[in-house]
Amino acid sequence: ISELWFDDEIEGTSLTVIEYSNNQYKEVTIGDISH
């Protein structure tokens, strides 16, 4: 819990994509604001 805030910047309207398959998470895109 002390590491709740990561270096990843999650700005308003940013896009984060996380895949879940076979009981595993995969971080695809974190905090993308290219749009």
ModelCIF file with pLDDT and N, C-alpha, C, O atoms, coordinates in Angstrom:
data_MODEL
#
_entry.id   MODEL 
#
_entity.id                         1 
_entity.type                       polymer 
_entity.pdbx_number_of_molecules   1 
#
_entity_poly.entity_id                      1 
_entity_poly.type                           'polypeptide(L)' 
_entity_poly.nstd_linkage                   no 
_entity_poly.nstd_monomer                   no 
_entity_poly.pdbx_seq_one_letter_code       ISELWFDDEIEGTSLTVIEYSNNQYKEVTIGDISH 
_entity_poly.pdbx_seq_one_letter_code_can   ISELWFDDEIEGTSLTVIEYSNNQYKEVTIGDISH 
_entity_poly.pdbx_strand_id                 A 
#
loop_
_entity_poly_seq.entity_id 
_entity_poly_seq.num 
_entity_poly_seq.mon_id 
_entity_poly_seq.hetero 
1 1  ILE n 
1 2  SER n 
1 3  GLU n 
1 4  LEU n 
1 5  TRP n 
1 6  PHE n 
1 7  ASP n 
1 8  ASP n 
1 9  GLU n 
1 10 ILE n 
1 11 GLU n 
1 12 GLY n 
1 13 THR n 
1 14 SER n 
1 15 LEU n 
1 16 THR n 
1 17 VAL n 
1 18 ILE n 
1 19 GLU n 
1 20 TYR n 
1 21 SER n 
1 22 ASN n 
1 23 ASN n 
1 24 GLN n 
1 25 TYR n 
1 26 LYS n 
1 27 GLU n 
1 28 VAL n 
1 29 THR n 
1 30 ILE n 
1 31 GLY n 
1 32 ASP n 
1 33 ILE n 
1 34 SER n 
1 35 HIS n 
#
_struct_asym.id          A 
_struct_asym.entity_id   1 
#
loop_
_ma_qa_metric.id 
_ma_qa_metric.mode 
_ma_qa_metric.name 
_ma_qa_metric.software_group_id 
_ma_qa_metric.type 
1 global pLDDT . pLDDT 
2 local  pLDDT . pLDDT 
#
_ma_qa_metric_global.metric_id      1 
_ma_qa_metric_global.metric_value   86.83 
_ma_qa_metric_global.model_id       1 
_ma_qa_metric_global.ordinal_id     1 
#
loop_
_ma_qa_metric_local.label_asym_id 
_ma_qa_metric_local.label_comp_id 
_ma_qa_metric_local.label_seq_id 
_ma_qa_metric_local.metric_id 
_ma_qa_metric_local.metric_value 
_ma_qa_metric_local.model_id 
_ma_qa_metric_local.ordinal_id 
A ILE 1  2 75.00 1 1  
A SER 2  2 72.00 1 2  
A GLU 3  2 72.00 1 3  
A LEU 4  2 69.00 1 4  
A TRP 5  2 73.00 1 5  
A PHE 6  2 67.00 1 6  
A ASP 7  2 71.00 1 7  
A ASP 8  2 73.00 1 8  
A GLU 9  2 80.00 1 9  
A ILE 10 2 86.00 1 10 
A GLU 11 2 86.00 1 11 
A GLY 12 2 85.00 1 12 
A THR 13 2 89.00 1 13 
A SER 14 2 92.00 1 14 
A LEU 15 2 94.00 1 15 
A THR 16 2 94.00 1 16 
A VAL 17 2 95.00 1 17 
A ILE 18 2 94.00 1 18 
A GLU 19 2 94.00 1 19 
A TYR 20 2 92.00 1 20 
A SER 21 2 91.00 1 21 
A ASN 22 2 90.00 1 22 
A ASN 23 2 90.00 1 23 
A GLN 24 2 92.00 1 24 
A TYR 25 2 93.00 1 25 
A LYS 26 2 95.00 1 26 
A GLU 27 2 94.00 1 27 
A VAL 28 2 96.00 1 28 
A THR 29 2 94.00 1 29 
A ILE 30 2 93.00 1 30 
A GLY 31 2 92.00 1 31 
A ASP 32 2 93.00 1 32 
A ILE 33 2 91.00 1 33 
A SER 34 2 92.00 1 34 
A HIS 35 2 90.00 1 35 
#
loop_
_atom_site.group_PDB 
_atom_site.id 
_atom_site.type_symbol 
_atom_site.label_atom_id 
_atom_site.label_alt_id 
_atom_site.label_comp_id 
_atom_site.label_asym_id 
_atom_site.label_entity_id 
_atom_site.label_seq_id 
_atom_site.pdbx_PDB_ins_code 
_atom_site.Cartn_x 
_atom_site.Cartn_y 
_atom_site.Cartn_z 
_atom_site.occupancy 
_atom_site.B_iso_or_equiv 
_atom_site.pdbx_formal_charge 
_atom_site.auth_seq_id 
_atom_site.auth_comp_id 
_atom_site.auth_asym_id 
_atom_site.auth_atom_id 
_atom_site.pdbx_PDB_model_num 
ATOM 1   N N  . ILE A 1 1  ? 0.830  -1.212  0.000   1.00 75.00 ? 1  ILE A N  1 
ATOM 2   C CA . ILE A 1 1  ? 0.000  0.000   0.000   1.00 75.00 ? 1  ILE A CA 1 
ATOM 3   C C  . ILE A 1 1  ? 0.863  1.259   0.000   1.00 75.00 ? 1  ILE A C  1 
ATOM 4   O O  . ILE A 1 1  ? 0.442  2.291   -0.523  1.00 75.00 ? 1  ILE A O  1 
ATOM 5   N N  . SER A 1 2  ? 2.050  1.194   0.571   1.00 72.00 ? 2  SER A N  1 
ATOM 6   C CA . SER A 1 2  ? 2.936  2.366   0.591   1.00 72.00 ? 2  SER A CA 1 
ATOM 7   C C  . SER A 1 2  ? 3.451  2.703   -0.800  1.00 72.00 ? 2  SER A C  1 
ATOM 8   O O  . SER A 1 2  ? 3.983  3.789   -1.026  1.00 72.00 ? 2  SER A O  1 
ATOM 9   N N  . GLU A 1 3  ? 3.290  1.770   -1.731  1.00 72.00 ? 3  GLU A N  1 
ATOM 10  C CA . GLU A 1 3  ? 3.727  1.977   -3.113  1.00 72.00 ? 3  GLU A CA 1 
ATOM 11  C C  . GLU A 1 3  ? 2.538  2.226   -4.042  1.00 72.00 ? 3  GLU A C  1 
ATOM 12  O O  . GLU A 1 3  ? 2.597  1.919   -5.233  1.00 72.00 ? 3  GLU A O  1 
ATOM 13  N N  . LEU A 1 4  ? 1.459  2.785   -3.487  1.00 69.00 ? 4  LEU A N  1 
ATOM 14  C CA . LEU A 1 4  ? 0.244  2.984   -4.284  1.00 69.00 ? 4  LEU A CA 1 
ATOM 15  C C  . LEU A 1 4  ? 0.483  3.875   -5.478  1.00 69.00 ? 4  LEU A C  1 
ATOM 16  O O  . LEU A 1 4  ? -0.035 3.607   -6.562  1.00 69.00 ? 4  LEU A O  1 
ATOM 17  N N  . TRP A 1 5  ? 1.252  4.924   -5.306  1.00 73.00 ? 5  TRP A N  1 
ATOM 18  C CA . TRP A 1 5  ? 1.499  5.840   -6.418  1.00 73.00 ? 5  TRP A CA 1 
ATOM 19  C C  . TRP A 1 5  ? 2.794  5.454   -7.114  1.00 73.00 ? 5  TRP A C  1 
ATOM 20  O O  . TRP A 1 5  ? 3.881  5.570   -6.549  1.00 73.00 ? 5  TRP A O  1 
ATOM 21  N N  . PHE A 1 6  ? 2.659  4.999   -8.337  1.00 67.00 ? 6  PHE A N  1 
ATOM 22  C CA . PHE A 1 6  ? 3.818  4.595   -9.129  1.00 67.00 ? 6  PHE A CA 1 
ATOM 23  C C  . PHE A 1 6  ? 4.299  5.764   -9.959  1.00 67.00 ? 6  PHE A C  1 
ATOM 24  O O  . PHE A 1 6  ? 3.655  6.813   -10.002 1.00 67.00 ? 6  PHE A O  1 
ATOM 25  N N  . ASP A 1 7  ? 5.424  5.585   -10.616 1.00 71.00 ? 7  ASP A N  1 
ATOM 26  C CA . ASP A 1 7  ? 5.959  6.622   -11.490 1.00 71.00 ? 7  ASP A CA 1 
ATOM 27  C C  . ASP A 1 7  ? 5.103  6.819   -12.733 1.00 71.00 ? 7  ASP A C  1 
ATOM 28  O O  . ASP A 1 7  ? 5.204  7.847   -13.402 1.00 71.00 ? 7  ASP A O  1 
ATOM 29  N N  . ASP A 1 8  ? 4.261  5.840   -13.044 1.00 73.00 ? 8  ASP A N  1 
ATOM 30  C CA . ASP A 1 8  ? 3.374  5.972   -14.203 1.00 73.00 ? 8  ASP A CA 1 
ATOM 31  C C  . ASP A 1 8  ? 2.437  7.149   -13.982 1.00 73.00 ? 8  ASP A C  1 
ATOM 32  O O  . ASP A 1 8  ? 1.766  7.226   -12.952 1.00 73.00 ? 8  ASP A O  1 
ATOM 33  N N  . GLU A 1 9  ? 2.388  8.053   -14.930 1.00 80.00 ? 9  GLU A N  1 
ATOM 34  C CA . GLU A 1 9  ? 1.488  9.192   -14.820 1.00 80.00 ? 9  GLU A CA 1 
ATOM 35  C C  . GLU A 1 9  ? 0.147  8.825   -15.428 1.00 80.00 ? 9  GLU A C  1 
ATOM 36  O O  . GLU A 1 9  ? 0.066  8.448   -16.597 1.00 80.00 ? 9  GLU A O  1 
ATOM 37  N N  . ILE A 1 10 ? -0.890 8.934   -14.639 1.00 86.00 ? 10 ILE A N  1 
ATOM 38  C CA . ILE A 1 10 ? -2.240 8.646   -15.109 1.00 86.00 ? 10 ILE A CA 1 
ATOM 39  C C  . ILE A 1 10 ? -2.972 9.980   -15.190 1.00 86.00 ? 10 ILE A C  1 
ATOM 40  O O  . ILE A 1 10 ? -3.579 10.426  -14.216 1.00 86.00 ? 10 ILE A O  1 
ATOM 41  N N  . GLU A 1 11 ? -2.911 10.605  -16.348 1.00 86.00 ? 11 GLU A N  1 
ATOM 42  C CA . GLU A 1 11 ? -3.550 11.909  -16.546 1.00 86.00 ? 11 GLU A CA 1 
ATOM 43  C C  . GLU A 1 11 ? -5.007 11.721  -16.956 1.00 86.00 ? 11 GLU A C  1 
ATOM 44  O O  . GLU A 1 11 ? -5.425 10.632  -17.349 1.00 86.00 ? 11 GLU A O  1 
ATOM 45  N N  . GLY A 1 12 ? -5.768 12.807  -16.855 1.00 85.00 ? 12 GLY A N  1 
ATOM 46  C CA . GLY A 1 12 ? -7.159 12.774  -17.289 1.00 85.00 ? 12 GLY A CA 1 
ATOM 47  C C  . GLY A 1 12 ? -7.253 12.377  -18.756 1.00 85.00 ? 12 GLY A C  1 
ATOM 48  O O  . GLY A 1 12 ? -6.468 12.850  -19.578 1.00 85.00 ? 12 GLY A O  1 
ATOM 49  N N  . THR A 1 13 ? -8.172 11.544  -19.079 1.00 89.00 ? 13 THR A N  1 
ATOM 50  C CA . THR A 1 13 ? -8.459 10.974  -20.401 1.00 89.00 ? 13 THR A CA 1 
ATOM 51  C C  . THR A 1 13 ? -7.352 10.073  -20.929 1.00 89.00 ? 13 THR A C  1 
ATOM 52  O O  . THR A 1 13 ? -7.373 9.701   -22.102 1.00 89.00 ? 13 THR A O  1 
ATOM 53  N N  . SER A 1 14 ? -6.390 9.715   -20.093 1.00 92.00 ? 14 SER A N  1 
ATOM 54  C CA . SER A 1 14 ? -5.342 8.810   -20.568 1.00 92.00 ? 14 SER A CA 1 
ATOM 55  C C  . SER A 1 14 ? -5.924 7.408   -20.762 1.00 92.00 ? 14 SER A C  1 
ATOM 56  O O  . SER A 1 14 ? -6.994 7.082   -20.248 1.00 92.00 ? 14 SER A O  1 
ATOM 57  N N  . LEU A 1 15 ? -5.199 6.607   -21.505 1.00 94.00 ? 15 LEU A N  1 
ATOM 58  C CA . LEU A 1 15 ? -5.638 5.258   -21.833 1.00 94.00 ? 15 LEU A CA 1 
ATOM 59  C C  . LEU A 1 15 ? -4.699 4.249   -21.181 1.00 94.00 ? 15 LEU A C  1 
ATOM 60  O O  . LEU A 1 15 ? -3.482 4.299   -21.362 1.00 94.00 ? 15 LEU A O  1 
ATOM 61  N N  . THR A 1 16 ? -5.282 3.347   -20.431 1.00 94.00 ? 16 THR A N  1 
ATOM 62  C CA . THR A 1 16 ? -4.535 2.240   -19.834 1.00 94.00 ? 16 THR A CA 1 
ATOM 63  C C  . THR A 1 16 ? -5.188 0.959   -20.306 1.00 94.00 ? 16 THR A C  1 
ATOM 64  O O  . THR A 1 16 ? -6.399 0.787   -20.172 1.00 94.00 ? 16 THR A O  1 
ATOM 65  N N  . VAL A 1 17 ? -4.392 0.061   -20.858 1.00 95.00 ? 17 VAL A N  1 
ATOM 66  C CA . VAL A 1 17 ? -4.907 -1.219  -21.346 1.00 95.00 ? 17 VAL A CA 1 
ATOM 67  C C  . VAL A 1 17 ? -4.222 -2.330  -20.560 1.00 95.00 ? 17 VAL A C  1 
ATOM 68  O O  . VAL A 1 17 ? -2.996 -2.425  -20.513 1.00 95.00 ? 17 VAL A O  1 
ATOM 69  N N  . ILE A 1 18 ? -5.049 -3.160  -19.949 1.00 94.00 ? 18 ILE A N  1 
ATOM 70  C CA . ILE A 1 18 ? -4.557 -4.308  -19.195 1.00 94.00 ? 18 ILE A CA 1 
ATOM 71  C C  . ILE A 1 18 ? -5.293 -5.529  -19.718 1.00 94.00 ? 18 ILE A C  1 
ATOM 72  O O  . ILE A 1 18 ? -6.523 -5.545  -19.770 1.00 94.00 ? 18 ILE A O  1 
ATOM 73  N N  . GLU A 1 19 ? -4.553 -6.536  -20.100 1.00 94.00 ? 19 GLU A N  1 
ATOM 74  C CA . GLU A 1 19 ? -5.165 -7.779  -20.567 1.00 94.00 ? 19 GLU A CA 1 
ATOM 75  C C  . GLU A 1 19 ? -5.166 -8.792  -19.428 1.00 94.00 ? 19 GLU A C  1 
ATOM 76  O O  . GLU A 1 19 ? -4.249 -8.834  -18.609 1.00 94.00 ? 19 GLU A O  1 
ATOM 77  N N  . TYR A 1 20 ? -6.214 -9.604  -19.397 1.00 92.00 ? 20 TYR A N  1 
ATOM 78  C CA . TYR A 1 20 ? -6.318 -10.660 -18.398 1.00 92.00 ? 20 TYR A CA 1 
ATOM 79  C C  . TYR A 1 20 ? -6.654 -11.948 -19.121 1.00 92.00 ? 20 TYR A C  1 
ATOM 80  O O  . TYR A 1 20 ? -7.680 -12.044 -19.794 1.00 92.00 ? 20 TYR A O  1 
ATOM 81  N N  . SER A 1 21 ? -5.790 -12.934 -18.981 1.00 91.00 ? 21 SER A N  1 
ATOM 82  C CA . SER A 1 21 ? -5.996 -14.214 -19.640 1.00 91.00 ? 21 SER A CA 1 
ATOM 83  C C  . SER A 1 21 ? -5.266 -15.289 -18.843 1.00 91.00 ? 21 SER A C  1 
ATOM 84  O O  . SER A 1 21 ? -4.149 -15.073 -18.371 1.00 91.00 ? 21 SER A O  1 
ATOM 85  N N  . ASN A 1 22 ? -5.901 -16.441 -18.697 1.00 90.00 ? 22 ASN A N  1 
ATOM 86  C CA . ASN A 1 22 ? -5.294 -17.568 -17.983 1.00 90.00 ? 22 ASN A CA 1 
ATOM 87  C C  . ASN A 1 22 ? -4.800 -17.169 -16.588 1.00 90.00 ? 22 ASN A C  1 
ATOM 88  O O  . ASN A 1 22 ? -3.702 -17.540 -16.172 1.00 90.00 ? 22 ASN A O  1 
ATOM 89  N N  . ASN A 1 23 ? -5.630 -16.412 -15.884 1.00 90.00 ? 23 ASN A N  1 
ATOM 90  C CA . ASN A 1 23 ? -5.314 -15.958 -14.522 1.00 90.00 ? 23 ASN A CA 1 
ATOM 91  C C  . ASN A 1 23 ? -4.063 -15.096 -14.438 1.00 90.00 ? 23 ASN A C  1 
ATOM 92  O O  . ASN A 1 23 ? -3.416 -15.039 -13.392 1.00 90.00 ? 23 ASN A O  1 
ATOM 93  N N  . GLN A 1 24 ? -3.720 -14.427 -15.528 1.00 92.00 ? 24 GLN A N  1 
ATOM 94  C CA . GLN A 1 24 ? -2.541 -13.560 -15.564 1.00 92.00 ? 24 GLN A CA 1 
ATOM 95  C C  . GLN A 1 24 ? -2.925 -12.196 -16.118 1.00 92.00 ? 24 GLN A C  1 
ATOM 96  O O  . GLN A 1 24 ? -3.701 -12.090 -17.068 1.00 92.00 ? 24 GLN A O  1 
ATOM 97  N N  . TYR A 1 25 ? -2.370 -11.157 -15.511 1.00 93.00 ? 25 TYR A N  1 
ATOM 98  C CA . TYR A 1 25 ? -2.530 -9.805  -16.024 1.00 93.00 ? 25 TYR A CA 1 
ATOM 99  C C  . TYR A 1 25 ? -1.324 -9.458  -16.878 1.00 93.00 ? 25 TYR A C  1 
ATOM 100 O O  . TYR A 1 25 ? -0.205 -9.892  -16.605 1.00 93.00 ? 25 TYR A O  1 
ATOM 101 N N  . LYS A 1 26 ? -1.569 -8.667  -17.920 1.00 95.00 ? 26 LYS A N  1 
ATOM 102 C CA . LYS A 1 26 ? -0.482 -8.160  -18.751 1.00 95.00 ? 26 LYS A CA 1 
ATOM 103 C C  . LYS A 1 26 ? -0.731 -6.669  -18.974 1.00 95.00 ? 26 LYS A C  1 
ATOM 104 O O  . LYS A 1 26 ? -1.771 -6.274  -19.500 1.00 95.00 ? 26 LYS A O  1 
ATOM 105 N N  . GLU A 1 27 ? 0.235  -5.851  -18.568 1.00 94.00 ? 27 GLU A N  1 
ATOM 106 C CA . GLU A 1 27 ? 0.145  -4.416  -18.799 1.00 94.00 ? 27 GLU A CA 1 
ATOM 107 C C  . GLU A 1 27 ? 0.523  -4.142  -20.248 1.00 94.00 ? 27 GLU A C  1 
ATOM 108 O O  . GLU A 1 27 ? 1.658  -4.393  -20.653 1.00 94.00 ? 27 GLU A O  1 
ATOM 109 N N  . VAL A 1 28 ? -0.419 -3.629  -21.027 1.00 96.00 ? 28 VAL A N  1 
ATOM 110 C CA . VAL A 1 28 ? -0.185 -3.358  -22.441 1.00 96.00 ? 28 VAL A CA 1 
ATOM 111 C C  . VAL A 1 28 ? 0.182  -1.886  -22.641 1.00 96.00 ? 28 VAL A C  1 
ATOM 112 O O  . VAL A 1 28 ? 1.191  -1.571  -23.273 1.00 96.00 ? 28 VAL A O  1 
ATOM 113 N N  . THR A 1 29 ? -0.636 -0.998  -22.104 1.00 94.00 ? 29 THR A N  1 
ATOM 114 C CA . THR A 1 29 ? -0.430 0.442   -22.223 1.00 94.00 ? 29 THR A CA 1 
ATOM 115 C C  . THR A 1 29 ? -0.803 1.075   -20.891 1.00 94.00 ? 29 THR A C  1 
ATOM 116 O O  . THR A 1 29 ? -1.861 0.779   -20.334 1.00 94.00 ? 29 THR A O  1 
ATOM 117 N N  . ILE A 1 30 ? 0.054  1.940   -20.382 1.00 93.00 ? 30 ILE A N  1 
ATOM 118 C CA . ILE A 1 30 ? -0.220 2.607   -19.115 1.00 93.00 ? 30 ILE A CA 1 
ATOM 119 C C  . ILE A 1 30 ? -0.150 4.123   -19.314 1.00 93.00 ? 30 ILE A C  1 
ATOM 120 O O  . ILE A 1 30 ? 0.896  4.664   -19.674 1.00 93.00 ? 30 ILE A O  1 
ATOM 121 N N  . GLY A 1 31 ? -1.267 4.794   -19.077 1.00 92.00 ? 31 GLY A N  1 
ATOM 122 C CA . GLY A 1 31 ? -1.317 6.256   -19.086 1.00 92.00 ? 31 GLY A CA 1 
ATOM 123 C C  . GLY A 1 31 ? -1.018 6.915   -20.424 1.00 92.00 ? 31 GLY A C  1 
ATOM 124 O O  . GLY A 1 31 ? -0.446 8.005   -20.456 1.00 92.00 ? 31 GLY A O  1 
ATOM 125 N N  . ASP A 1 32 ? -1.392 6.281   -21.523 1.00 93.00 ? 32 ASP A N  1 
ATOM 126 C CA . ASP A 1 32 ? -1.119 6.834   -22.858 1.00 93.00 ? 32 ASP A CA 1 
ATOM 127 C C  . ASP A 1 32 ? -1.987 8.064   -23.116 1.00 93.00 ? 32 ASP A C  1 
ATOM 128 O O  . ASP A 1 32 ? -3.206 8.014   -22.951 1.00 93.00 ? 32 ASP A O  1 
ATOM 129 N N  . ILE A 1 33 ? -1.359 9.165   -23.518 1.00 91.00 ? 33 ILE A N  1 
ATOM 130 C CA . ILE A 1 33 ? -2.110 10.385  -23.836 1.00 91.00 ? 33 ILE A CA 1 
ATOM 131 C C  . ILE A 1 33 ? -1.857 10.838  -25.277 1.00 91.00 ? 33 ILE A C  1 
ATOM 132 O O  . ILE A 1 33 ? -2.073 12.004  -25.609 1.00 91.00 ? 33 ILE A O  1 
ATOM 133 N N  . SER A 1 34 ? -1.404 9.928   -26.120 1.00 92.00 ? 34 SER A N  1 
ATOM 134 C CA . SER A 1 34 ? -1.063 10.294  -27.496 1.00 92.00 ? 34 SER A CA 1 
ATOM 135 C C  . SER A 1 34 ? -2.278 10.791  -28.287 1.00 92.00 ? 34 SER A C  1 
ATOM 136 O O  . SER A 1 34 ? -2.114 11.463  -29.305 1.00 92.00 ? 34 SER A O  1 
ATOM 137 N N  . HIS A 1 35 ? -3.479 10.473  -27.835 1.00 90.00 ? 35 HIS A N  1 
ATOM 138 C CA . HIS A 1 35 ? -4.695 10.923  -28.527 1.00 90.00 ? 35 HIS A CA 1 
ATOM 139 C C  . HIS A 1 35 ? -5.049 12.373  -28.224 1.00 90.00 ? 35 HIS A C  1 
ATOM 140 O O  . HIS A 1 35 ? -6.045 12.885  -28.736 1.00 90.00 ? 35 HIS A O  1 
#
